[in-house]
N, C-alpha and C. Protein backbone atom coordinates (compact mmCIF):
# COMPACT_ATOMS: atom_id res chain seq x y z
N UNK A 1 100.36 12.00 92.76
CA UNK A 1 98.68 11.61 93.33
C UNK A 1 98.31 10.94 92.19
N UNK A 2 98.21 11.16 90.82
CA UNK A 2 97.60 10.64 89.51
C UNK A 2 98.46 9.62 89.41
N UNK A 3 99.44 9.25 89.82
CA UNK A 3 100.18 8.01 89.34
C UNK A 3 100.02 7.09 90.28
N UNK A 4 99.69 7.48 91.29
CA UNK A 4 99.19 6.55 92.74
C UNK A 4 97.75 5.92 91.82
N UNK A 5 96.98 7.13 91.98
CA UNK A 5 95.61 6.45 91.16
C UNK A 5 95.87 5.43 90.00
N UNK A 6 96.15 5.87 89.13
CA UNK A 6 96.00 5.36 87.78
C UNK A 6 97.41 3.65 87.73
N UNK A 7 97.70 3.76 89.05
CA UNK A 7 98.74 2.24 89.68
C UNK A 7 97.48 1.64 90.69
N UNK A 8 96.74 2.03 91.22
CA UNK A 8 95.63 1.42 91.95
C UNK A 8 95.38 0.35 91.17
N UNK A 9 95.61 -0.96 93.05
CA UNK A 9 95.26 -2.49 92.31
C UNK A 9 96.20 -3.16 90.99
N UNK A 10 97.75 -2.63 91.01
CA UNK A 10 98.62 -2.66 90.35
C UNK A 10 100.27 -3.23 90.50
N UNK A 11 100.60 -3.39 90.44
CA UNK A 11 102.09 -3.69 91.08
C UNK A 11 102.67 -2.78 90.65
N UNK A 12 103.73 -2.35 91.66
CA UNK A 12 104.64 -1.28 92.08
C UNK A 12 105.94 -1.76 92.44
N UNK A 13 107.33 -0.82 92.54
CA UNK A 13 107.89 -1.05 93.25
C UNK A 13 108.24 0.35 94.10
N UNK A 14 108.54 0.47 95.46
CA UNK A 14 109.24 1.16 96.67
C UNK A 14 110.74 1.45 96.20
N UNK A 15 111.13 2.43 96.34
CA UNK A 15 112.69 2.33 97.39
C UNK A 15 112.01 3.00 98.39
N UNK A 16 113.24 2.25 99.56
CA UNK A 16 113.39 3.17 100.57
C UNK A 16 114.05 3.82 100.89
N UNK A 17 114.00 4.78 101.80
CA UNK A 17 114.94 5.27 102.38
C UNK A 17 116.22 4.62 103.13
N UNK A 18 115.86 3.57 103.18
CA UNK A 18 117.15 2.44 104.03
C UNK A 18 117.56 1.29 103.03
N UNK A 19 117.04 2.03 101.87
CA UNK A 19 117.39 1.58 100.42
C UNK A 19 116.75 0.24 100.46
N UNK A 20 116.00 -0.28 101.17
CA UNK A 20 115.24 -1.24 100.30
C UNK A 20 114.02 -1.35 99.64
N UNK A 21 113.97 -2.32 98.78
CA UNK A 21 112.75 -2.22 97.11
C UNK A 21 111.87 -3.48 98.22
N UNK A 22 110.69 -2.71 98.05
CA UNK A 22 109.65 -3.55 98.12
C UNK A 22 108.53 -3.53 96.95
N UNK A 23 108.15 -4.65 96.75
CA UNK A 23 107.60 -4.96 94.99
C UNK A 23 106.40 -5.76 95.66
N UNK A 24 104.75 -4.94 94.88
CA UNK A 24 103.70 -5.12 95.84
C UNK A 24 102.39 -5.05 95.31
N UNK A 25 101.51 -5.28 95.79
CA UNK A 25 100.42 -4.52 94.72
C UNK A 25 99.63 -3.38 95.91
N UNK A 26 99.91 -2.22 94.76
CA UNK A 26 99.10 -0.70 95.55
C UNK A 26 97.90 -1.15 95.96
N UNK A 27 96.92 -1.23 97.30
CA UNK A 27 96.35 -1.67 97.19
C UNK A 27 95.46 -0.46 97.88
N UNK A 28 96.22 0.84 98.31
CA UNK A 28 95.47 2.08 99.19
C UNK A 28 96.42 2.86 99.31
N UNK A 29 96.14 4.19 98.90
CA UNK A 29 97.00 5.28 99.37
C UNK A 29 95.76 6.73 100.02
N UNK A 30 96.40 7.73 100.49
CA UNK A 30 96.77 8.52 101.12
C UNK A 30 96.72 9.83 100.77
N UNK A 31 96.31 10.98 101.09
CA UNK A 31 96.64 12.32 100.81
C UNK A 31 98.40 12.63 101.13
N UNK A 32 98.57 11.78 102.10
CA UNK A 32 100.39 12.41 102.82
C UNK A 32 100.81 11.60 101.68
N UNK A 33 100.31 10.77 100.97
CA UNK A 33 100.97 9.53 100.10
C UNK A 33 101.93 8.13 100.85
N UNK A 34 101.17 8.11 101.73
CA UNK A 34 100.95 6.92 102.94
C UNK A 34 100.12 5.91 101.83
N UNK A 35 100.90 4.67 102.24
CA UNK A 35 100.63 3.55 100.74
C UNK A 35 100.36 1.80 101.69
N UNK A 36 99.04 1.35 101.04
CA UNK A 36 99.00 -0.25 101.68
C UNK A 36 99.76 -1.23 100.35
N UNK A 37 100.55 -2.03 100.70
CA UNK A 37 100.57 -2.73 99.71
C UNK A 37 100.14 -4.23 100.03
N UNK A 38 99.70 -5.07 99.23
CA UNK A 38 99.81 -6.43 99.00
C UNK A 38 100.84 -7.39 98.71
N UNK A 39 100.47 -8.80 98.93
CA UNK A 39 101.40 -9.49 98.56
C UNK A 39 103.00 -9.06 98.26
N UNK A 40 103.89 -8.46 99.22
CA UNK A 40 104.82 -8.06 99.09
C UNK A 40 106.02 -8.76 99.17
N UNK A 41 107.01 -8.48 98.38
CA UNK A 41 108.20 -8.87 98.32
C UNK A 41 109.09 -7.40 98.72
N UNK A 42 110.07 -8.11 99.86
CA UNK A 42 111.35 -7.24 99.92
C UNK A 42 112.66 -7.65 98.98
N UNK A 43 113.02 -6.80 97.89
CA UNK A 43 114.34 -7.50 97.73
C UNK A 43 115.36 -6.51 98.02
N UNK A 44 116.84 -7.13 98.71
CA UNK A 44 117.74 -6.62 98.93
C UNK A 44 119.11 -7.18 97.77
N UNK A 45 119.91 -6.54 97.64
CA UNK A 45 121.22 -7.41 96.90
C UNK A 45 121.02 -8.91 96.76
N UNK A 46 120.94 -9.52 98.25
CA UNK A 46 121.37 -11.03 98.25
C UNK A 46 120.31 -12.20 98.03
N UNK A 47 118.82 -11.06 98.70
CA UNK A 47 117.76 -12.52 98.81
C UNK A 47 116.39 -11.60 98.76
N UNK A 48 115.34 -12.37 98.70
CA UNK A 48 114.01 -12.10 98.47
C UNK A 48 113.47 -12.55 99.14
N UNK A 49 111.97 -11.75 100.54
CA UNK A 49 111.71 -12.16 101.24
C UNK A 49 110.31 -11.93 100.96
N UNK A 50 109.15 -12.97 101.39
CA UNK A 50 107.81 -12.68 100.74
C UNK A 50 107.29 -12.29 102.30
N UNK A 51 106.59 -10.74 102.31
CA UNK A 51 106.95 -9.79 103.88
C UNK A 51 104.55 -10.02 104.13
N UNK A 52 104.07 -9.99 102.73
CA UNK A 52 102.41 -10.11 102.93
C UNK A 52 101.61 -8.84 102.72
N UNK A 53 101.26 -8.33 103.48
CA UNK A 53 100.15 -6.83 103.74
C UNK A 53 101.42 -5.86 104.28
N UNK A 54 101.42 -5.23 103.69
CA UNK A 54 102.50 -3.94 104.97
C UNK A 54 101.82 -2.68 104.25
N UNK A 55 101.88 -1.78 105.27
CA UNK A 55 101.99 -0.58 105.39
C UNK A 55 103.28 0.55 105.20
N UNK A 56 103.61 1.17 104.29
CA UNK A 56 104.17 2.04 104.70
C UNK A 56 104.19 3.87 104.27
N UNK A 57 104.98 4.90 104.90
CA UNK A 57 105.06 5.98 105.82
C UNK A 57 105.27 6.79 104.12
N UNK A 58 104.91 7.24 103.63
CA UNK A 58 105.28 7.62 102.57
C UNK A 58 106.06 8.77 102.40
N UNK A 59 106.86 9.01 103.27
CA UNK A 59 107.64 9.83 103.97
C UNK A 59 108.66 9.03 103.70
N UNK A 60 108.73 8.45 104.05
CA UNK A 60 110.17 7.10 103.91
C UNK A 60 110.13 6.75 102.64
N UNK A 61 109.13 7.08 101.36
CA UNK A 61 109.00 6.46 99.99
C UNK A 61 109.74 7.21 99.10
N UNK A 62 111.46 6.61 98.56
CA UNK A 62 112.08 8.09 97.81
C UNK A 62 111.90 7.35 96.37
N UNK A 63 111.40 6.84 95.86
CA UNK A 63 110.85 6.26 94.41
C UNK A 63 109.69 5.28 94.42
N UNK A 64 108.41 5.25 93.45
CA UNK A 64 107.65 4.77 93.01
C UNK A 64 107.64 4.19 91.70
N UNK A 65 107.51 3.32 91.29
CA UNK A 65 108.13 2.66 90.12
C UNK A 65 106.99 1.59 89.31
N UNK A 66 106.24 1.56 88.23
CA UNK A 66 105.47 1.22 88.22
C UNK A 66 105.68 -0.31 87.27
N UNK A 67 105.13 -1.58 87.68
CA UNK A 67 105.64 -2.93 87.08
C UNK A 67 105.13 -3.32 85.80
């Protein structure tokens, strides 16, 4: 939780259980590690898609990396 607090309003990269990688600005989170990211891009092996704002369930996150 401390890492989330330190990176609030900063760019982070999330690895999800389905092997997708999302990069965006962490704009909020809760006690269950559910997160809101703004200006999100989904990166896969071949493409990059701009998504916008997303809400990610904390149980779907494998890794969080500050950028």
